[in-house]
């Protein structure tokens, strides 16, 4: 994750880079820091630039939305 944006009371948007694997909309996601899992949630929305996308491959950037993830 590069940067966190809070939208409203319960939605968090994360600007992120995919370093390994891929990000898929509506899939589960884990956030690691220092080798520990600090958050587990579902990816509600996935955008690349201004386009709504279903999947983001490795070595690209995207913004993902998740409900009520306050621990990121």
PDB file of N, CA and C in Angstrom:
ATOM      1  N   UNK A   1       0.816  -1.167   0.000  1.00  0.00           N
ATOM      2  CA  UNK A   1       0.000   0.000   0.000  1.00  0.00           C
ATOM      3  C   UNK A   1       0.868   1.241   0.000  1.00  0.00           C
ATOM      4  N   UNK A   2       0.450   2.192  -0.788  1.00  0.00           N
ATOM      5  CA  UNK A   2       1.191   3.441  -0.883  1.00  0.00           C
ATOM      6  C   UNK A   2       0.562   4.530  -0.025  1.00  0.00           C
ATOM      7  N   UNK A   3      -0.765   4.650  -0.086  1.00  0.00           N
ATOM      8  CA  UNK A   3      -1.449   5.697   0.661  1.00  0.00           C
ATOM      9  C   UNK A   3      -2.883   5.270   0.941  1.00  0.00           C
ATOM     10  N   UNK A   4      -3.426   5.738   2.073  1.00  0.00           N
ATOM     11  CA  UNK A   4      -4.788   5.419   2.495  1.00  0.00           C
ATOM     12  C   UNK A   4      -5.648   6.669   2.394  1.00  0.00           C
ATOM     13  N   UNK A   5      -6.862   6.503   1.843  1.00  0.00           N
ATOM     14  CA  UNK A   5      -7.830   7.593   1.751  1.00  0.00           C
ATOM     15  C   UNK A   5      -9.116   7.143   2.424  1.00  0.00           C
ATOM     16  N   UNK A   6      -9.630   7.934   3.345  1.00  0.00           N
ATOM     17  CA  UNK A   6     -10.899   7.619   4.005  1.00  0.00           C
ATOM     18  C   UNK A   6     -12.015   8.375   3.286  1.00  0.00           C
ATOM     19  N   UNK A   7     -13.051   7.628   2.886  1.00  0.00           N
ATOM     20  CA  UNK A   7     -14.186   8.205   2.181  1.00  0.00           C
ATOM     21  C   UNK A   7     -15.428   7.898   3.004  1.00  0.00           C
ATOM     22  N   UNK A   8     -16.046   8.902   3.573  1.00  0.00           N
ATOM     23  CA  UNK A   8     -17.208   8.668   4.429  1.00  0.00           C
ATOM     24  C   UNK A   8     -16.794   8.074   5.765  1.00  0.00           C
ATOM     25  N   UNK A   9     -17.751   7.459   6.435  1.00  0.00           N
ATOM     26  CA  UNK A   9     -17.497   6.916   7.768  1.00  0.00           C
ATOM     27  C   UNK A   9     -16.857   5.533   7.758  1.00  0.00           C
ATOM     28  N   UNK A  10     -17.179   4.714   6.766  1.00  0.00           N
ATOM     29  CA  UNK A  10     -16.734   3.327   6.856  1.00  0.00           C
ATOM     30  C   UNK A  10     -15.969   2.809   5.639  1.00  0.00           C
ATOM     31  N   UNK A  11     -15.716   3.628   4.640  1.00  0.00           N
ATOM     32  CA  UNK A  11     -15.025   3.145   3.452  1.00  0.00           C
ATOM     33  C   UNK A  11     -13.595   3.651   3.423  1.00  0.00           C
ATOM     34  N   UNK A  12     -12.690   2.739   3.095  1.00  0.00           N
ATOM     35  CA  UNK A  12     -11.268   3.062   3.002  1.00  0.00           C
ATOM     36  C   UNK A  12     -10.813   2.714   1.585  1.00  0.00           C
ATOM     37  N   UNK A  13     -10.106   3.654   0.947  1.00  0.00           N
ATOM     38  CA  UNK A  13      -9.528   3.418  -0.369  1.00  0.00           C
ATOM     39  C   UNK A  13      -8.018   3.342  -0.188  1.00  0.00           C
ATOM     40  N   UNK A  14      -7.413   2.304  -0.736  1.00  0.00           N
ATOM     41  CA  UNK A  14      -5.970   2.129  -0.598  1.00  0.00           C
ATOM     42  C   UNK A  14      -5.313   2.241  -1.965  1.00  0.00           C
ATOM     43  N   UNK A  15      -4.383   3.163  -2.084  1.00  0.00           N
ATOM     44  CA  UNK A  15      -3.556   3.238  -3.279  1.00  0.00           C
ATOM     45  C   UNK A  15      -2.449   2.217  -3.106  1.00  0.00           C
ATOM     46  N   UNK A  16      -2.314   1.279  -4.040  1.00  0.00           N
ATOM     47  CA  UNK A  16      -1.385   0.179  -3.823  1.00  0.00           C
ATOM     48  C   UNK A  16      -0.638  -0.203  -5.091  1.00  0.00           C
ATOM     49  N   UNK A  17       0.451  -0.935  -4.914  1.00  0.00           N
ATOM     50  CA  UNK A  17       1.237  -1.506  -6.002  1.00  0.00           C
ATOM     51  C   UNK A  17       1.224  -3.013  -5.833  1.00  0.00           C
ATOM     52  N   UNK A  18       1.049  -3.729  -6.930  1.00  0.00           N
ATOM     53  CA  UNK A  18       1.052  -5.192  -6.889  1.00  0.00           C
ATOM     54  C   UNK A  18       2.486  -5.658  -7.118  1.00  0.00           C
ATOM     55  N   UNK A  19       3.109  -6.240  -6.095  1.00  0.00           N
ATOM     56  CA  UNK A  19       4.493  -6.702  -6.218  1.00  0.00           C
ATOM     57  C   UNK A  19       4.585  -8.178  -6.559  1.00  0.00           C
ATOM     58  N   UNK A  20       3.569  -8.946  -6.170  1.00  0.00           N
ATOM     59  CA  UNK A  20       3.573 -10.378  -6.443  1.00  0.00           C
ATOM     60  C   UNK A  20       2.136 -10.842  -6.594  1.00  0.00           C
ATOM     61  N   UNK A  21       1.856 -11.669  -7.564  1.00  0.00           N
ATOM     62  CA  UNK A  21       0.502 -12.171  -7.776  1.00  0.00           C
ATOM     63  C   UNK A  21      -0.373 -11.159  -8.484  1.00  0.00           C
ATOM     64  N   UNK A  22      -1.633 -11.057  -8.074  1.00  0.00           N
ATOM     65  CA  UNK A  22      -2.583 -10.143  -8.686  1.00  0.00           C
ATOM     66  C   UNK A  22      -3.662  -9.781  -7.676  1.00  0.00           C
ATOM     67  N   UNK A  23      -4.379  -8.704  -7.930  1.00  0.00           N
ATOM     68  CA  UNK A  23      -5.518  -8.305  -7.107  1.00  0.00           C
ATOM     69  C   UNK A  23      -6.766  -8.517  -7.938  1.00  0.00           C
ATOM     70  N   UNK A  24      -7.764  -9.197  -7.378  1.00  0.00           N
ATOM     71  CA  UNK A  24      -9.015  -9.470  -8.073  1.00  0.00           C
ATOM     72  C   UNK A  24     -10.160  -8.886  -7.256  1.00  0.00           C
ATOM     73  N   UNK A  25     -11.070  -8.165  -7.937  1.00  0.00           N
ATOM     74  CA  UNK A  25     -12.220  -7.580  -7.255  1.00  0.00           C
ATOM     75  C   UNK A  25     -13.085  -8.678  -6.641  1.00  0.00           C
ATOM     76  N   UNK A  26     -13.639  -8.422  -5.479  1.00  0.00           N
ATOM     77  CA  UNK A  26     -14.503  -9.320  -4.692  1.00  0.00           C
ATOM     78  C   UNK A  26     -13.750 -10.514  -4.104  1.00  0.00           C
ATOM     79  N   UNK A  27     -12.432 -10.486  -4.134  1.00  0.00           N
ATOM     80  CA  UNK A  27     -11.629 -11.552  -3.521  1.00  0.00           C
ATOM     81  C   UNK A  27     -11.178 -11.115  -2.133  1.00  0.00           C
ATOM     82  N   UNK A  28     -10.712 -12.052  -1.351  1.00  0.00           N
ATOM     83  CA  UNK A  28     -10.171 -11.737  -0.039  1.00  0.00           C
ATOM     84  C   UNK A  28      -8.778 -11.140  -0.164  1.00  0.00           C
ATOM     85  N   UNK A  29      -8.401 -10.322   0.797  1.00  0.00           N
ATOM     86  CA  UNK A  29      -7.078  -9.700   0.769  1.00  0.00           C
ATOM     87  C   UNK A  29      -6.506  -9.651   2.182  1.00  0.00           C
ATOM     88  N   UNK A  30      -5.195  -9.823   2.283  1.00  0.00           N
ATOM     89  CA  UNK A  30      -4.499  -9.700   3.558  1.00  0.00           C
ATOM     90  C   UNK A  30      -3.465  -8.598   3.429  1.00  0.00           C
ATOM     91  N   UNK A  31      -3.345  -7.777   4.458  1.00  0.00           N
ATOM     92  CA  UNK A  31      -2.350  -6.721   4.486  1.00  0.00           C
ATOM     93  C   UNK A  31      -1.258  -7.143   5.458  1.00  0.00           C
ATOM     94  N   UNK A  32      -0.024  -7.198   4.958  1.00  0.00           N
ATOM     95  CA  UNK A  32       1.123  -7.592   5.762  1.00  0.00           C
ATOM     96  C   UNK A  32       1.986  -6.380   6.062  1.00  0.00           C
ATOM     97  N   UNK A  33       2.459  -6.294   7.277  1.00  0.00           N
ATOM     98  CA  UNK A  33       3.474  -5.302   7.661  1.00  0.00           C
ATOM     99  C   UNK A  33       4.455  -5.984   8.588  1.00  0.00           C
ATOM    100  N   UNK A  34       5.718  -5.900   8.260  1.00  0.00           N
ATOM    101  CA  UNK A  34       6.742  -6.530   9.085  1.00  0.00           C
ATOM    102  C   UNK A  34       6.585  -8.032   9.181  1.00  0.00           C
ATOM    103  N   UNK A  35       6.056  -8.669   8.140  1.00  0.00           N
ATOM    104  CA  UNK A  35       5.879 -10.116   8.142  1.00  0.00           C
ATOM    105  C   UNK A  35       4.654 -10.600   8.884  1.00  0.00           C
ATOM    106  N   UNK A  36       3.865  -9.684   9.470  1.00  0.00           N
ATOM    107  CA  UNK A  36       2.648 -10.046  10.211  1.00  0.00           C
ATOM    108  C   UNK A  36       1.412  -9.582   9.457  1.00  0.00           C
ATOM    109  N   UNK A  37       0.335 -10.362   9.533  1.00  0.00           N
ATOM    110  CA  UNK A  37      -0.936  -9.964   8.937  1.00  0.00           C
ATOM    111  C   UNK A  37      -1.585  -8.956   9.876  1.00  0.00           C
ATOM    112  N   UNK A  38      -1.847  -7.740   9.383  1.00  0.00           N
ATOM    113  CA  UNK A  38      -2.474  -6.728  10.237  1.00  0.00           C
ATOM    114  C   UNK A  38      -3.939  -6.508   9.891  1.00  0.00           C
ATOM    115  N   UNK A  39      -4.374  -6.980   8.708  1.00  0.00           N
ATOM    116  CA  UNK A  39      -5.782  -6.825   8.332  1.00  0.00           C
ATOM    117  C   UNK A  39      -6.158  -7.882   7.301  1.00  0.00           C
ATOM    118  N   UNK A  40      -7.383  -8.360   7.385  1.00  0.00           N
ATOM    119  CA  UNK A  40      -7.944  -9.277   6.401  1.00  0.00           C
ATOM    120  C   UNK A  40      -9.325  -8.750   6.041  1.00  0.00           C
ATOM    121  N   UNK A  41      -9.579  -8.590   4.748  1.00  0.00           N
ATOM    122  CA  UNK A  41     -10.853  -8.030   4.303  1.00  0.00           C
ATOM    123  C   UNK A  41     -11.124  -8.448   2.870  1.00  0.00           C
ATOM    124  N   UNK A  42     -12.195  -7.929   2.292  1.00  0.00           N
ATOM    125  CA  UNK A  42     -12.606  -8.221   0.922  1.00  0.00           C
ATOM    126  C   UNK A  42     -12.413  -6.969   0.079  1.00  0.00           C
ATOM    127  N   UNK A  43     -11.976  -7.131  -1.152  1.00  0.00           N
ATOM    128  CA  UNK A  43     -11.786  -6.005  -2.073  1.00  0.00           C
ATOM    129  C   UNK A  43     -13.128  -5.715  -2.740  1.00  0.00           C
ATOM    130  N   UNK A  44     -13.770  -4.602  -2.359  1.00  0.00           N
ATOM    131  CA  UNK A  44     -15.081  -4.251  -2.912  1.00  0.00           C
ATOM    132  C   UNK A  44     -14.994  -3.618  -4.288  1.00  0.00           C
ATOM    133  N   UNK A  45     -14.029  -2.733  -4.483  1.00  0.00           N
ATOM    134  CA  UNK A  45     -13.890  -2.074  -5.776  1.00  0.00           C
ATOM    135  C   UNK A  45     -12.424  -2.049  -6.165  1.00  0.00           C
ATOM    136  N   UNK A  46     -12.191  -1.989  -7.452  1.00  0.00           N
ATOM    137  CA  UNK A  46     -10.827  -2.003  -7.951  1.00  0.00           C
ATOM    138  C   UNK A  46     -10.761  -1.092  -9.164  1.00  0.00           C
ATOM    139  N   UNK A  47      -9.877  -0.106  -9.093  1.00  0.00           N
ATOM    140  CA  UNK A  47      -9.757   0.866 -10.183  1.00  0.00           C
ATOM    141  C   UNK A  47      -8.308   1.009 -10.591  1.00  0.00           C
ATOM    142  N   UNK A  48      -8.143   1.219 -11.868  1.00  0.00           N
ATOM    143  CA  UNK A  48      -6.826   1.502 -12.426  1.00  0.00           C
ATOM    144  C   UNK A  48      -6.970   2.774 -13.231  1.00  0.00           C
ATOM    145  N   UNK A  49      -6.304   3.820 -12.770  1.00  0.00           N
ATOM    146  CA  UNK A  49      -6.505   5.173 -13.282  1.00  0.00           C
ATOM    147  C   UNK A  49      -7.976   5.518 -13.104  1.00  0.00           C
ATOM    148  N   UNK A  50      -8.718   5.808 -14.118  1.00  0.00           N
ATOM    149  CA  UNK A  50     -10.150   6.135 -13.967  1.00  0.00           C
ATOM    150  C   UNK A  50     -11.069   4.983 -14.351  1.00  0.00           C
ATOM    151  N   UNK A  51     -10.485   3.856 -14.725  1.00  0.00           N
ATOM    152  CA  UNK A  51     -11.266   2.718 -15.205  1.00  0.00           C
ATOM    153  C   UNK A  51     -11.549   1.730 -14.084  1.00  0.00           C
ATOM    154  N   UNK A  52     -12.781   1.253 -14.027  1.00  0.00           N
ATOM    155  CA  UNK A  52     -13.169   0.198 -13.106  1.00  0.00           C
ATOM    156  C   UNK A  52     -12.708  -1.123 -13.721  1.00  0.00           C
ATOM    157  N   UNK A  53     -11.890  -1.893 -13.007  1.00  0.00           N
ATOM    158  CA  UNK A  53     -11.350  -3.138 -13.562  1.00  0.00           C
ATOM    159  C   UNK A  53     -11.680  -4.316 -12.661  1.00  0.00           C
ATOM    160  N   UNK A  54     -11.615  -5.512 -13.231  1.00  0.00           N
ATOM    161  CA  UNK A  54     -11.885  -6.728 -12.474  1.00  0.00           C
ATOM    162  C   UNK A  54     -10.612  -7.286 -11.844  1.00  0.00           C
ATOM    163  N   UNK A  55      -9.461  -7.053 -12.488  1.00  0.00           N
ATOM    164  CA  UNK A  55      -8.204  -7.640 -12.029  1.00  0.00           C
ATOM    165  C   UNK A  55      -7.039  -6.695 -12.334  1.00  0.00           C
ATOM    166  N   UNK A  56      -6.056  -6.683 -11.428  1.00  0.00           N
ATOM    167  CA  UNK A  56      -4.841  -5.903 -11.636  1.00  0.00           C
ATOM    168  C   UNK A  56      -3.662  -6.869 -11.539  1.00  0.00           C
ATOM    169  N   UNK A  57      -2.863  -6.983 -12.610  1.00  0.00           N
ATOM    170  CA  UNK A  57      -1.736  -7.927 -12.598  1.00  0.00           C
ATOM    171  C   UNK A  57      -0.515  -7.387 -11.858  1.00  0.00           C
ATOM    172  N   UNK A  58       0.480  -8.233 -11.732  1.00  0.00           N
ATOM    173  CA  UNK A  58       1.736  -7.907 -11.059  1.00  0.00           C
ATOM    174  C   UNK A  58       2.444  -6.739 -11.743  1.00  0.00           C
ATOM    175  N   UNK A  59       3.188  -5.968 -10.958  1.00  0.00           N
ATOM    176  CA  UNK A  59       4.012  -4.842 -11.429  1.00  0.00           C
ATOM    177  C   UNK A  59       3.187  -3.665 -11.936  1.00  0.00           C
ATOM    178  N   UNK A  60       1.965  -3.490 -11.437  1.00  0.00           N
ATOM    179  CA  UNK A  60       1.141  -2.337 -11.788  1.00  0.00           C
ATOM    180  C   UNK A  60       0.592  -1.701 -10.523  1.00  0.00           C
ATOM    181  N   UNK A  61      -0.022  -0.529 -10.667  1.00  0.00           N
ATOM    182  CA  UNK A  61      -0.613   0.193  -9.539  1.00  0.00           C
ATOM    183  C   UNK A  61      -2.123   0.238  -9.689  1.00  0.00           C
ATOM    184  N   UNK A  62      -2.806   0.384  -8.556  1.00  0.00           N
ATOM    185  CA  UNK A  62      -4.266   0.439  -8.570  1.00  0.00           C
ATOM    186  C   UNK A  62      -4.763   1.089  -7.282  1.00  0.00           C
ATOM    187  N   UNK A  63      -6.060   1.305  -7.217  1.00  0.00           N
ATOM    188  CA  UNK A  63      -6.721   1.763  -5.992  1.00  0.00           C
ATOM    189  C   UNK A  63      -7.801   0.749  -5.666  1.00  0.00           C
ATOM    190  N   UNK A  64      -7.810   0.253  -4.441  1.00  0.00           N
ATOM    191  CA  UNK A  64      -8.807  -0.732  -4.046  1.00  0.00           C
ATOM    192  C   UNK A  64      -9.614  -0.202  -2.881  1.00  0.00           C
ATOM    193  N   UNK A  65     -10.898  -0.525  -2.891  1.00  0.00           N
ATOM    194  CA  UNK A  65     -11.797  -0.099  -1.832  1.00  0.00           C
ATOM    195  C   UNK A  65     -12.235  -1.274  -0.995  1.00  0.00           C
ATOM    196  N   UNK A  66     -12.390  -1.029   0.298  1.00  0.00           N
ATOM    197  CA  UNK A  66     -12.752  -2.081   1.223  1.00  0.00           C
ATOM    198  C   UNK A  66     -13.638  -1.491   2.310  1.00  0.00           C
ATOM    199  N   UNK A  67     -14.660  -2.230   2.742  1.00  0.00           N
ATOM    200  CA  UNK A  67     -15.546  -1.699   3.783  1.00  0.00           C
ATOM    201  C   UNK A  67     -14.924  -1.786   5.170  1.00  0.00           C
ATOM    202  N   UNK A  68     -14.950  -0.712   5.906  1.00  0.00           N
ATOM    203  CA  UNK A  68     -14.630  -0.674   7.342  1.00  0.00           C
ATOM    204  C   UNK A  68     -13.269  -1.240   7.724  1.00  0.00           C
ATOM    205  N   UNK A  69     -12.267  -1.023   6.920  1.00  0.00           N
ATOM    206  CA  UNK A  69     -10.918  -1.482   7.289  1.00  0.00           C
ATOM    207  C   UNK A  69     -10.179  -0.337   7.948  1.00  0.00           C
ATOM    208  N   UNK A  70     -10.282  -0.242   9.240  1.00  0.00           N
ATOM    209  CA  UNK A  70      -9.668   0.869   9.942  1.00  0.00           C
ATOM    210  C   UNK A  70      -8.258   0.552  10.417  1.00  0.00           C
ATOM    211  N   UNK A  71      -7.821  -0.711  10.296  1.00  0.00           N
ATOM    212  CA  UNK A  71      -6.501  -1.087  10.780  1.00  0.00           C
ATOM    213  C   UNK A  71      -5.406  -0.892   9.754  1.00  0.00           C
ATOM    214  N   UNK A  72      -5.733  -0.551   8.526  1.00  0.00           N
ATOM    215  CA  UNK A  72      -4.727  -0.363   7.501  1.00  0.00           C
ATOM    216  C   UNK A  72      -3.920   0.820   7.847  1.00  0.00           C
TER     217      UNK A  72
END
